Amino acid sequence: MAKGAVSRAAARKQKDKWKAKRWYSIRAPRNPWSFKMIGETLAEEDDLVIGRHYELMQNELDGDFSKMHVKIKFNVTEVVNKDALTEFIGYDLMKDHVRRLVRRERGKIDDTVDLVSKDGFYIRFKPLIISRGRIKASQKQQMRTIARNVILRVGASSTWLDIQKSLFDGTLENSIKDEVSKIQPVKNLLFRRVQLLQSGVLVDEGPTLGEIHELEKSKHSVIEQENDVLVAAEAGAEISELAVSTSEIENVTEEKIEEPINDIDYSSMTVPQLKELLKESGKTVSGKKADLIARLNE
């Protein structure tokens, strides 16, 4: 066998990797997103899905369009059947958003704060403070120290889940801003990056994955029922319209049938023939031909 034929035969025997792959549903963490489906991914085996990172904008996750500049990051930690379960590992602000906030006449204060939460999660914060006007180096240092102390104090007394809630609703940023503004008025205070460096103790709260599947099935069945009702209503409307149009056609047909049909050309007949027709119908036979024709057309 030729060398080319051997290679082609080997290629035919080779396993198609795409056919071996299957789709996995990527789900947000149990708390606080209740295993919400956020995307899909392809893989041949479960082990190949674990460790994958998935990113999406915050407005796609919770519908808050004021957070279109926040990129949330998840990491797949476990696969259950066709569901890839994730954990929240932080978020980043888009660079162009941060660039729009920084101006030449304003003061900019950066910092990096590492802390361990109450439940053992090791987290890194990168706050960004922008003042309303120019400030001195000593004032920057004071504001940086105050912000760091607030972050450490809140982080040490809160769980990782509580910290997430305070980040997304702005509670942590507002508490830092109130303390820092005592030194100089603050234009913006935000976290450029929040990063989970090491996981801690997970808390099993909220609905289970099985309950979420049952809820999704019930919602799907309700949607299907609503669609069936809508289709039935549209079909009923079409049938009623068809019935109305059919009745109209029947009425028109009846009217046409009731109309007398007279296609006989009396003008081509002779007078004796016309009189014979008048006798059969019991009418008068006297008069001219035109009178006879008019009498037959009555």
C-alpha atoms as a PDB file:
ATOM      1  CA  MET A   1       0.000   0.000   0.000  1.00  0.00           C
ATOM      2  CA  ALA A   2       1.283   3.446  -0.878  1.00  0.00           C
ATOM      3  CA  LYS A   3       2.427   5.793   1.841  1.00  0.00           C
ATOM      4  CA  GLY A   4      -0.388   8.280   1.100  1.00  0.00           C
ATOM      5  CA  ALA A   5      -3.038   5.563   1.330  1.00  0.00           C
ATOM      6  CA  VAL A   6      -1.655   4.432   4.694  1.00  0.00           C
ATOM      7  CA  SER A   7      -1.826   7.949   6.118  1.00  0.00           C
ATOM      8  CA  ARG A   8      -5.388   8.401   4.853  1.00  0.00           C
ATOM      9  CA  ALA A   9      -6.467   5.128   6.412  1.00  0.00           C
ATOM     10  CA  ALA A  10      -4.882   6.131   9.714  1.00  0.00           C
ATOM     11  CA  ALA A  11      -6.672   9.484   9.571  1.00  0.00           C
ATOM     12  CA  ARG A  12     -10.023   7.730   9.081  1.00  0.00           C
ATOM     13  CA  LYS A  13      -9.389   5.530  12.098  1.00  0.00           C
ATOM     14  CA  GLN A  14      -8.433   8.508  14.251  1.00  0.00           C
ATOM     15  CA  LYS A  15     -11.062   9.494  16.804  1.00  0.00           C
ATOM     16  CA  ASP A  16     -12.971  12.708  16.138  1.00  0.00           C
ATOM     17  CA  LYS A  17     -12.340  14.833  19.247  1.00  0.00           C
ATOM     18  CA  TRP A  18     -15.218  17.205  18.560  1.00  0.00           C
ATOM     19  CA  LYS A  19     -17.738  14.360  18.588  1.00  0.00           C
ATOM     20  CA  ALA A  20     -16.374  13.227  21.951  1.00  0.00           C
ATOM     21  CA  LYS A  21     -16.964  16.645  23.544  1.00  0.00           C
ATOM     22  CA  ARG A  22     -20.136  17.694  25.330  1.00  0.00           C
ATOM     23  CA  TRP A  23     -21.608  20.916  26.631  1.00  0.00           C
ATOM     24  CA  TYR A  24     -21.382  21.926  30.297  1.00  0.00           C
ATOM     25  CA  SER A  25     -23.559  24.600  31.905  1.00  0.00           C
ATOM     26  CA  ILE A  26     -21.481  27.103  33.899  1.00  0.00           C
ATOM     27  CA  ARG A  27     -23.288  28.163  37.053  1.00  0.00           C
ATOM     28  CA  ALA A  28     -22.575  31.014  39.450  1.00  0.00           C
ATOM     29  CA  PRO A  29     -21.882  30.157  43.116  1.00  0.00           C
ATOM     30  CA  ARG A  30     -24.644  29.054  45.457  1.00  0.00           C
ATOM     31  CA  ASN A  31     -24.308  32.251  47.478  1.00  0.00           C
ATOM     32  CA  PRO A  32     -25.509  34.815  46.614  1.00  0.00           C
ATOM     33  CA  TRP A  33     -26.487  33.872  43.036  1.00  0.00           C
ATOM     34  CA  SER A  34     -28.310  30.554  43.688  1.00  0.00           C
ATOM     35  CA  PHE A  35     -26.499  28.582  40.960  1.00  0.00           C
ATOM     36  CA  LYS A  36     -27.607  30.965  38.215  1.00  0.00           C
ATOM     37  CA  MET A  37     -26.590  29.755  34.756  1.00  0.00           C
ATOM     38  CA  ILE A  38     -24.073  32.239  33.313  1.00  0.00           C
ATOM     39  CA  GLY A  39     -22.642  30.407  30.302  1.00  0.00           C
ATOM     40  CA  GLU A  40     -21.617  27.167  28.609  1.00  0.00           C
ATOM     41  CA  THR A  41     -18.353  25.439  27.743  1.00  0.00           C
ATOM     42  CA  LEU A  42     -17.183  22.388  25.756  1.00  0.00           C
ATOM     43  CA  ALA A  43     -14.953  19.612  27.071  1.00  0.00           C
ATOM     44  CA  GLU A  44     -14.243  15.906  26.620  1.00  0.00           C
ATOM     45  CA  GLU A  45     -14.054  15.072  30.336  1.00  0.00           C
ATOM     46  CA  ASP A  46     -15.105  16.590  33.645  1.00  0.00           C
ATOM     47  CA  ASP A  47     -11.503  17.019  34.786  1.00  0.00           C
ATOM     48  CA  LEU A  48     -10.777  19.271  31.822  1.00  0.00           C
ATOM     49  CA  VAL A  49     -13.499  21.713  32.924  1.00  0.00           C
ATOM     50  CA  ILE A  50     -12.254  22.101  36.503  1.00  0.00           C
ATOM     51  CA  GLY A  51      -9.944  25.088  36.836  1.00  0.00           C
ATOM     52  CA  ARG A  52     -11.334  27.033  33.892  1.00  0.00           C
ATOM     53  CA  HIS A  53     -11.945  30.755  34.387  1.00  0.00           C
ATOM     54  CA  TYR A  54     -15.112  32.459  33.183  1.00  0.00           C
ATOM     55  CA  GLU A  55     -15.595  36.219  32.992  1.00  0.00           C
ATOM     56  CA  LEU A  56     -18.650  38.374  32.336  1.00  0.00           C
ATOM     57  CA  MET A  57     -19.763  41.949  32.963  1.00  0.00           C
ATOM     58  CA  GLN A  58     -21.772  42.652  36.089  1.00  0.00           C
ATOM     59  CA  ASN A  59     -24.761  43.998  34.155  1.00  0.00           C
ATOM     60  CA  GLU A  60     -25.057  40.574  32.435  1.00  0.00           C
ATOM     61  CA  LEU A  61     -25.159  38.904  35.837  1.00  0.00           C
ATOM     62  CA  ASP A  62     -27.596  41.051  37.809  1.00  0.00           C
ATOM     63  CA  GLY A  63     -29.002  43.490  35.213  1.00  0.00           C
ATOM     64  CA  ASP A  64     -27.414  46.594  36.784  1.00  0.00           C
ATOM     65  CA  PHE A  65     -26.412  48.635  33.717  1.00  0.00           C
ATOM     66  CA  SER A  66     -24.586  51.179  35.874  1.00  0.00           C
ATOM     67  CA  LYS A  67     -21.955  48.427  36.384  1.00  0.00           C
ATOM     68  CA  MET A  68     -21.126  47.814  32.731  1.00  0.00           C
ATOM     69  CA  HIS A  69     -17.464  48.585  33.503  1.00  0.00           C
ATOM     70  CA  VAL A  70     -17.109  45.820  36.148  1.00  0.00           C
ATOM     71  CA  LYS A  71     -15.737  42.475  34.924  1.00  0.00           C
ATOM     72  CA  ILE A  72     -16.601  39.654  37.339  1.00  0.00           C
ATOM     73  CA  LYS A  73     -14.448  36.517  37.412  1.00  0.00           C
ATOM     74  CA  PHE A  74     -15.390  32.949  38.332  1.00  0.00           C
ATOM     75  CA  ASN A  75     -13.385  29.747  38.618  1.00  0.00           C
ATOM     76  CA  VAL A  76     -14.823  26.254  38.014  1.00  0.00           C
ATOM     77  CA  THR A  77     -14.242  24.134  41.119  1.00  0.00           C
ATOM     78  CA  GLU A  78     -16.572  21.145  40.666  1.00  0.00           C
ATOM     79  CA  VAL A  79     -18.596  19.337  37.993  1.00  0.00           C
ATOM     80  CA  VAL A  80     -21.930  17.670  38.816  1.00  0.00           C
ATOM     81  CA  ASN A  81     -23.375  15.801  35.827  1.00  0.00           C
ATOM     82  CA  LYS A  82     -23.441  18.539  33.167  1.00  0.00           C
ATOM     83  CA  ASP A  83     -23.206  21.490  35.581  1.00  0.00           C
ATOM     84  CA  ALA A  84     -19.868  23.235  36.149  1.00  0.00           C
ATOM     85  CA  LEU A  85     -20.017  24.869  39.595  1.00  0.00           C
ATOM     86  CA  THR A  86     -17.875  27.940  40.188  1.00  0.00           C
ATOM     87  CA  GLU A  87     -16.609  30.222  42.925  1.00  0.00           C
ATOM     88  CA  PHE A  88     -16.287  34.001  42.842  1.00  0.00           C
ATOM     89  CA  ILE A  89     -12.594  34.941  42.609  1.00  0.00           C
ATOM     90  CA  GLY A  90     -12.858  38.712  42.236  1.00  0.00           C
ATOM     91  CA  TYR A  91     -13.441  41.446  39.718  1.00  0.00           C
ATOM     92  CA  ASP A  92     -11.601  44.105  37.707  1.00  0.00           C
ATOM     93  CA  LEU A  93     -12.624  47.554  36.555  1.00  0.00           C
ATOM     94  CA  MET A  94     -12.162  48.280  32.881  1.00  0.00           C
ATOM     95  CA  LYS A  95      -9.042  50.370  32.285  1.00  0.00           C
ATOM     96  CA  ASP A  96     -10.816  52.921  30.109  1.00  0.00           C
ATOM     97  CA  HIS A  97     -13.295  53.602  32.938  1.00  0.00           C
ATOM     98  CA  VAL A  98     -10.483  54.257  35.417  1.00  0.00           C
ATOM     99  CA  ARG A  99      -8.700  56.417  32.846  1.00  0.00           C
ATOM    100  CA  ARG A 100     -11.766  58.641  32.471  1.00  0.00           C
ATOM    101  CA  LEU A 101     -11.898  59.272  36.218  1.00  0.00           C
ATOM    102  CA  VAL A 102      -8.267  60.414  36.583  1.00  0.00           C
ATOM    103  CA  ARG A 103      -7.646  64.100  35.789  1.00  0.00           C
ATOM    104  CA  ARG A 104      -4.558  66.272  36.038  1.00  0.00           C
ATOM    105  CA  GLU A 105      -6.053  68.646  38.625  1.00  0.00           C
ATOM    106  CA  ARG A 106      -7.124  65.831  40.963  1.00  0.00           C
ATOM    107  CA  GLY A 107      -5.195  63.764  43.479  1.00  0.00           C
ATOM    108  CA  LYS A 108      -4.821  60.040  42.913  1.00  0.00           C
ATOM    109  CA  ILE A 109      -4.185  57.545  45.739  1.00  0.00           C
ATOM    110  CA  ASP A 110      -3.449  53.863  45.046  1.00  0.00           C
ATOM    111  CA  ASP A 111      -2.903  51.035  47.504  1.00  0.00           C
ATOM    112  CA  THR A 112      -2.825  47.243  47.872  1.00  0.00           C
ATOM    113  CA  VAL A 113      -4.331  45.640  50.969  1.00  0.00           C
ATOM    114  CA  ASP A 114      -4.203  41.905  51.788  1.00  0.00           C
ATOM    115  CA  LEU A 115      -6.456  40.511  54.505  1.00  0.00           C
ATOM    116  CA  VAL A 116      -7.889  37.280  55.879  1.00  0.00           C
ATOM    117  CA  SER A 117     -11.654  37.205  56.344  1.00  0.00           C
ATOM    118  CA  LYS A 118     -13.491  35.823  59.334  1.00  0.00           C
ATOM    119  CA  ASP A 119     -14.014  32.460  57.586  1.00  0.00           C
ATOM    120  CA  GLY A 120     -10.405  32.133  56.400  1.00  0.00           C
ATOM    121  CA  PHE A 121     -10.485  33.552  52.846  1.00  0.00           C
ATOM    122  CA  TYR A 122      -7.302  35.322  51.780  1.00  0.00           C
ATOM    123  CA  ILE A 123      -8.271  38.372  49.704  1.00  0.00           C
ATOM    124  CA  ARG A 124      -6.415  41.210  47.997  1.00  0.00           C
ATOM    125  CA  PHE A 125      -7.950  44.668  47.551  1.00  0.00           C
ATOM    126  CA  LYS A 126      -6.653  47.462  45.333  1.00  0.00           C
ATOM    127  CA  PRO A 127      -8.524  50.639  46.290  1.00  0.00           C
ATOM    128  CA  LEU A 128      -8.367  53.830  44.234  1.00  0.00           C
ATOM    129  CA  ILE A 129      -9.112  57.229  45.778  1.00  0.00           C
ATOM    130  CA  ILE A 130      -9.521  60.348  43.621  1.00  0.00           C
ATOM    131  CA  SER A 131      -9.814  63.691  45.397  1.00  0.00           C
ATOM    132  CA  ARG A 132     -11.717  66.743  44.135  1.00  0.00           C
ATOM    133  CA  GLY A 133      -8.559  68.836  43.951  1.00  0.00           C
ATOM    134  CA  ARG A 134      -4.802  68.684  44.349  1.00  0.00           C
ATOM    135  CA  ILE A 135      -3.575  67.388  47.696  1.00  0.00           C
ATOM    136  CA  LYS A 136      -0.237  67.170  49.477  1.00  0.00           C
ATOM    137  CA  ALA A 137       1.828  64.017  49.866  1.00  0.00           C
ATOM    138  CA  SER A 138       1.215  63.994  53.628  1.00  0.00           C
ATOM    139  CA  GLN A 139      -2.546  64.126  53.059  1.00  0.00           C
ATOM    140  CA  LYS A 140      -2.302  61.265  50.581  1.00  0.00           C
ATOM    141  CA  GLN A 141      -0.486  59.168  53.167  1.00  0.00           C
ATOM    142  CA  GLN A 142      -3.113  59.912  55.830  1.00  0.00           C
ATOM    143  CA  MET A 143      -5.974  59.019  53.482  1.00  0.00           C
ATOM    144  CA  ARG A 144      -4.189  55.829  52.400  1.00  0.00           C
ATOM    145  CA  THR A 145      -3.706  54.774  56.039  1.00  0.00           C
ATOM    146  CA  ILE A 146      -7.346  55.457  56.944  1.00  0.00           C
ATOM    147  CA  ALA A 147      -8.621  53.453  53.954  1.00  0.00           C
ATOM    148  CA  ARG A 148      -6.323  50.545  54.789  1.00  0.00           C
ATOM    149  CA  ASN A 149      -7.491  50.443  58.425  1.00  0.00           C
ATOM    150  CA  VAL A 150     -11.175  50.457  57.434  1.00  0.00           C
ATOM    151  CA  ILE A 151     -10.632  47.601  54.958  1.00  0.00           C
ATOM    152  CA  LEU A 152      -8.721  45.510  57.502  1.00  0.00           C
ATOM    153  CA  ARG A 153     -11.280  46.158  60.229  1.00  0.00           C
ATOM    154  CA  VAL A 154     -14.279  45.255  58.055  1.00  0.00           C
ATOM    155  CA  GLY A 155     -12.519  42.242  56.520  1.00  0.00           C
ATOM    156  CA  ALA A 156     -11.462  40.756  59.847  1.00  0.00           C
ATOM    157  CA  SER A 157     -15.021  40.951  61.237  1.00  0.00           C
ATOM    158  CA  SER A 158     -16.863  39.751  58.091  1.00  0.00           C
ATOM    159  CA  THR A 159     -17.161  36.546  56.117  1.00  0.00           C
ATOM    160  CA  TRP A 160     -16.229  36.347  52.449  1.00  0.00           C
ATOM    161  CA  LEU A 161     -19.929  36.306  51.552  1.00  0.00           C
ATOM    162  CA  ASP A 162     -20.562  39.469  53.608  1.00  0.00           C
ATOM    163  CA  ILE A 163     -17.612  41.156  51.910  1.00  0.00           C
ATOM    164  CA  GLN A 164     -19.028  40.275  48.483  1.00  0.00           C
ATOM    165  CA  LYS A 165     -22.395  41.805  49.381  1.00  0.00           C
ATOM    166  CA  SER A 166     -20.753  44.978  50.685  1.00  0.00           C
ATOM    167  CA  LEU A 167     -18.708  45.241  47.487  1.00  0.00           C
ATOM    168  CA  PHE A 168     -21.655  44.879  45.119  1.00  0.00           C
ATOM    169  CA  ASP A 169     -24.033  47.193  46.984  1.00  0.00           C
ATOM    170  CA  GLY A 170     -21.330  49.834  47.629  1.00  0.00           C
ATOM    171  CA  THR A 171     -21.470  49.646  51.433  1.00  0.00           C
ATOM    172  CA  LEU A 172     -17.729  49.111  51.865  1.00  0.00           C
ATOM    173  CA  GLU A 173     -16.830  51.930  49.460  1.00  0.00           C
ATOM    174  CA  ASN A 174     -19.193  54.356  51.199  1.00  0.00           C
ATOM    175  CA  SER A 175     -17.837  53.542  54.662  1.00  0.00           C
ATOM    176  CA  ILE A 176     -14.261  54.182  53.487  1.00  0.00           C
ATOM    177  CA  LYS A 177     -15.281  57.365  51.676  1.00  0.00           C
ATOM    178  CA  ASP A 178     -16.925  58.801  54.803  1.00  0.00           C
ATOM    179  CA  GLU A 179     -13.728  58.308  56.835  1.00  0.00           C
ATOM    180  CA  VAL A 180     -11.311  59.518  54.167  1.00  0.00           C
ATOM    181  CA  SER A 181     -13.339  62.646  53.348  1.00  0.00           C
ATOM    182  CA  LYS A 182     -12.450  64.021  56.784  1.00  0.00           C
ATOM    183  CA  ILE A 183      -8.981  64.756  55.421  1.00  0.00           C
ATOM    184  CA  GLN A 184      -9.936  66.012  51.929  1.00  0.00           C
ATOM    185  CA  PRO A 185     -13.151  65.875  49.864  1.00  0.00           C
ATOM    186  CA  VAL A 186     -13.251  62.751  47.726  1.00  0.00           C
ATOM    187  CA  LYS A 187     -14.539  62.691  44.154  1.00  0.00           C
ATOM    188  CA  ASN A 188     -14.446  58.915  43.624  1.00  0.00           C
ATOM    189  CA  LEU A 189     -13.566  55.919  45.751  1.00  0.00           C
ATOM    190  CA  LEU A 190     -13.606  52.472  44.181  1.00  0.00           C
ATOM    191  CA  PHE A 191     -11.752  49.177  44.038  1.00  0.00           C
ATOM    192  CA  ARG A 192      -9.771  48.712  40.834  1.00  0.00           C
ATOM    193  CA  ARG A 193      -9.358  45.037  41.611  1.00  0.00           C
ATOM    194  CA  VAL A 194     -10.577  42.502  44.157  1.00  0.00           C
ATOM    195  CA  GLN A 195      -8.821  39.144  43.994  1.00  0.00           C
ATOM    196  CA  LEU A 196      -9.359  35.914  45.921  1.00  0.00           C
ATOM    197  CA  LEU A 197      -5.908  34.460  46.603  1.00  0.00           C
ATOM    198  CA  GLN A 198      -6.934  31.445  48.703  1.00  0.00           C
ATOM    199  CA  SER A 199     -10.275  29.894  49.605  1.00  0.00           C
ATOM    200  CA  GLY A 200     -11.470  29.328  53.133  1.00  0.00           C
ATOM    201  CA  VAL A 201     -14.447  27.649  54.783  1.00  0.00           C
ATOM    202  CA  LEU A 202     -17.463  27.376  52.472  1.00  0.00           C
ATOM    203  CA  VAL A 203     -20.920  28.019  53.911  1.00  0.00           C
ATOM    204  CA  ASP A 204     -23.774  25.814  52.680  1.00  0.00           C
ATOM    205  CA  GLU A 205     -26.658  28.267  52.552  1.00  0.00           C
ATOM    206  CA  GLY A 206     -29.341  28.869  49.998  1.00  0.00           C
ATOM    207  CA  PRO A 207     -31.148  26.493  47.617  1.00  0.00           C
ATOM    208  CA  THR A 208     -29.510  23.274  46.506  1.00  0.00           C
ATOM    209  CA  LEU A 209     -28.664  22.458  42.881  1.00  0.00           C
ATOM    210  CA  GLY A 210     -31.554  19.956  42.724  1.00  0.00           C
ATOM    211  CA  GLU A 211     -34.016  22.614  43.875  1.00  0.00           C
ATOM    212  CA  ILE A 212     -32.696  24.998  41.220  1.00  0.00           C
ATOM    213  CA  HIS A 213     -33.219  22.330  38.532  1.00  0.00           C
ATOM    214  CA  GLU A 214     -36.797  21.756  39.710  1.00  0.00           C
ATOM    215  CA  LEU A 215     -37.437  25.508  39.669  1.00  0.00           C
ATOM    216  CA  GLU A 216     -36.045  25.822  36.146  1.00  0.00           C
ATOM    217  CA  LYS A 217     -38.198  22.893  34.961  1.00  0.00           C
ATOM    218  CA  SER A 218     -41.330  24.457  36.474  1.00  0.00           C
ATOM    219  CA  LYS A 219     -40.550  27.802  34.842  1.00  0.00           C
ATOM    220  CA  HIS A 220     -39.958  26.050  31.519  1.00  0.00           C
ATOM    221  CA  SER A 221     -43.267  24.181  31.778  1.00  0.00           C
ATOM    222  CA  VAL A 222     -45.114  27.403  32.635  1.00  0.00           C
ATOM    223  CA  ILE A 223     -43.595  29.105  29.588  1.00  0.00           C
ATOM    224  CA  GLU A 224     -44.596  26.147  27.386  1.00  0.00           C
ATOM    225  CA  GLN A 225     -48.171  26.271  28.750  1.00  0.00           C
ATOM    226  CA  GLU A 226     -48.377  29.995  28.071  1.00  0.00           C
ATOM    227  CA  ASN A 227     -47.109  29.418  24.522  1.00  0.00           C
ATOM    228  CA  ASP A 228     -49.678  26.631  23.998  1.00  0.00           C
ATOM    229  CA  VAL A 229     -52.477  28.898  25.243  1.00  0.00           C
ATOM    230  CA  LEU A 230     -51.278  31.675  22.952  1.00  0.00           C
ATOM    231  CA  VAL A 231     -51.131  29.316  19.949  1.00  0.00           C
ATOM    232  CA  ALA A 232     -54.604  27.956  20.763  1.00  0.00           C
ATOM    233  CA  ALA A 233     -55.990  31.487  21.052  1.00  0.00           C
ATOM    234  CA  GLU A 234     -54.470  32.451  17.711  1.00  0.00           C
ATOM    235  CA  ALA A 235     -55.835  29.256  16.120  1.00  0.00           C
ATOM    236  CA  GLY A 236     -59.288  29.997  17.569  1.00  0.00           C
ATOM    237  CA  ALA A 237     -59.194  33.499  16.162  1.00  0.00           C
ATOM    238  CA  GLU A 238     -58.229  32.136  12.740  1.00  0.00           C
ATOM    239  CA  ILE A 239     -61.073  29.582  12.873  1.00  0.00           C
ATOM    240  CA  SER A 240     -63.610  32.262  13.832  1.00  0.00           C
ATOM    241  CA  GLU A 241     -62.396  34.471  10.983  1.00  0.00           C
ATOM    242  CA  LEU A 242     -62.656  31.498   8.609  1.00  0.00           C
ATOM    243  CA  ALA A 243     -66.208  30.790   9.810  1.00  0.00           C
ATOM    244  CA  VAL A 244     -67.222  34.409   9.272  1.00  0.00           C
ATOM    245  CA  SER A 245     -65.746  34.436   5.776  1.00  0.00           C
ATOM    246  CA  THR A 246     -67.470  31.100   4.987  1.00  0.00           C
ATOM    247  CA  SER A 247     -70.836  32.427   6.154  1.00  0.00           C
ATOM    248  CA  GLU A 248     -70.371  35.533   4.040  1.00  0.00           C
ATOM    249  CA  ILE A 249     -69.617  33.365   0.983  1.00  0.00           C
ATOM    250  CA  GLU A 250     -72.730  31.268   1.659  1.00  0.00           C
ATOM    251  CA  ASN A 251     -74.907  34.377   1.958  1.00  0.00           C
ATOM    252  CA  VAL A 252     -73.560  35.768  -1.287  1.00  0.00           C
ATOM    253  CA  THR A 253     -74.115  32.391  -2.974  1.00  0.00           C
ATOM    254  CA  GLU A 254     -77.714  32.236  -1.700  1.00  0.00           C
ATOM    255  CA  GLU A 255     -78.377  35.752  -2.940  1.00  0.00           C
ATOM    256  CA  LYS A 256     -77.023  34.803  -6.340  1.00  0.00           C
ATOM    257  CA  ILE A 257     -79.162  31.659  -6.426  1.00  0.00           C
ATOM    258  CA  GLU A 258     -82.292  33.600  -5.478  1.00  0.00           C
ATOM    259  CA  GLU A 259     -81.799  35.998  -8.384  1.00  0.00           C
ATOM    260  CA  PRO A 260     -83.846  34.897 -11.437  1.00  0.00           C
ATOM    261  CA  ILE A 261     -81.791  33.710 -14.336  1.00  0.00           C
ATOM    262  CA  ASN A 262     -83.282  34.605 -17.744  1.00  0.00           C
ATOM    263  CA  ASP A 263     -80.978  33.940 -20.659  1.00  0.00           C
ATOM    264  CA  ILE A 264     -83.732  33.386 -23.404  1.00  0.00           C
ATOM    265  CA  ASP A 265     -83.462  35.716 -26.390  1.00  0.00           C
ATOM    266  CA  TYR A 266     -87.147  36.517 -27.101  1.00  0.00           C
ATOM    267  CA  SER A 267     -86.285  38.967 -29.876  1.00  0.00           C
ATOM    268  CA  SER A 268     -85.135  36.143 -32.153  1.00  0.00           C
ATOM    269  CA  MET A 269     -88.481  34.302 -31.810  1.00  0.00           C
ATOM    270  CA  THR A 270     -91.526  34.762 -34.011  1.00  0.00           C
ATOM    271  CA  VAL A 271     -94.836  36.234 -32.847  1.00  0.00           C
ATOM    272  CA  PRO A 272     -96.667  32.860 -32.849  1.00  0.00           C
ATOM    273  CA  GLN A 273     -93.883  31.362 -30.705  1.00  0.00           C
ATOM    274  CA  LEU A 274     -94.153  34.267 -28.277  1.00  0.00           C
ATOM    275  CA  LYS A 275     -97.932  33.891 -28.054  1.00  0.00           C
ATOM    276  CA  GLU A 276     -97.535  30.155 -27.393  1.00  0.00           C
ATOM    277  CA  LEU A 277     -95.225  30.938 -24.427  1.00  0.00           C
ATOM    278  CA  LEU A 278     -97.719  33.484 -23.126  1.00  0.00           C
ATOM    279  CA  LYS A 279    -100.524  30.950 -23.329  1.00  0.00           C
ATOM    280  CA  GLU A 280     -98.464  28.451 -21.318  1.00  0.00           C
ATOM    281  CA  SER A 281     -97.860  31.047 -18.626  1.00  0.00           C
ATOM    282  CA  GLY A 282    -101.514  32.175 -18.654  1.00  0.00           C
ATOM    283  CA  LYS A 283    -100.846  35.680 -19.845  1.00  0.00           C
ATOM    284  CA  THR A 284    -102.559  37.850 -22.468  1.00  0.00           C
ATOM    285  CA  VAL A 285    -101.504  37.146 -26.051  1.00  0.00           C
ATOM    286  CA  SER A 286    -102.734  40.358 -27.715  1.00  0.00           C
ATOM    287  CA  GLY A 287    -100.505  43.236 -28.790  1.00  0.00           C
ATOM    288  CA  LYS A 288     -97.367  43.897 -30.781  1.00  0.00           C
ATOM    289  CA  LYS A 289     -94.149  41.808 -30.633  1.00  0.00           C
ATOM    290  CA  ALA A 290     -92.481  44.333 -28.270  1.00  0.00           C
ATOM    291  CA  ASP A 291     -95.468  44.101 -25.882  1.00  0.00           C
ATOM    292  CA  LEU A 292     -95.286  40.304 -25.997  1.00  0.00           C
ATOM    293  CA  ILE A 293     -91.545  40.325 -25.126  1.00  0.00           C
ATOM    294  CA  ALA A 294     -92.059  42.806 -22.285  1.00  0.00           C
ATOM    295  CA  ARG A 295     -94.876  40.648 -20.911  1.00  0.00           C
ATOM    296  CA  LEU A 296     -92.664  37.529 -20.989  1.00  0.00           C
ATOM    297  CA  ASN A 297     -89.815  39.350 -19.151  1.00  0.00           C
ATOM    298  CA  GLU A 298     -92.102  40.345 -16.262  1.00  0.00           C
END
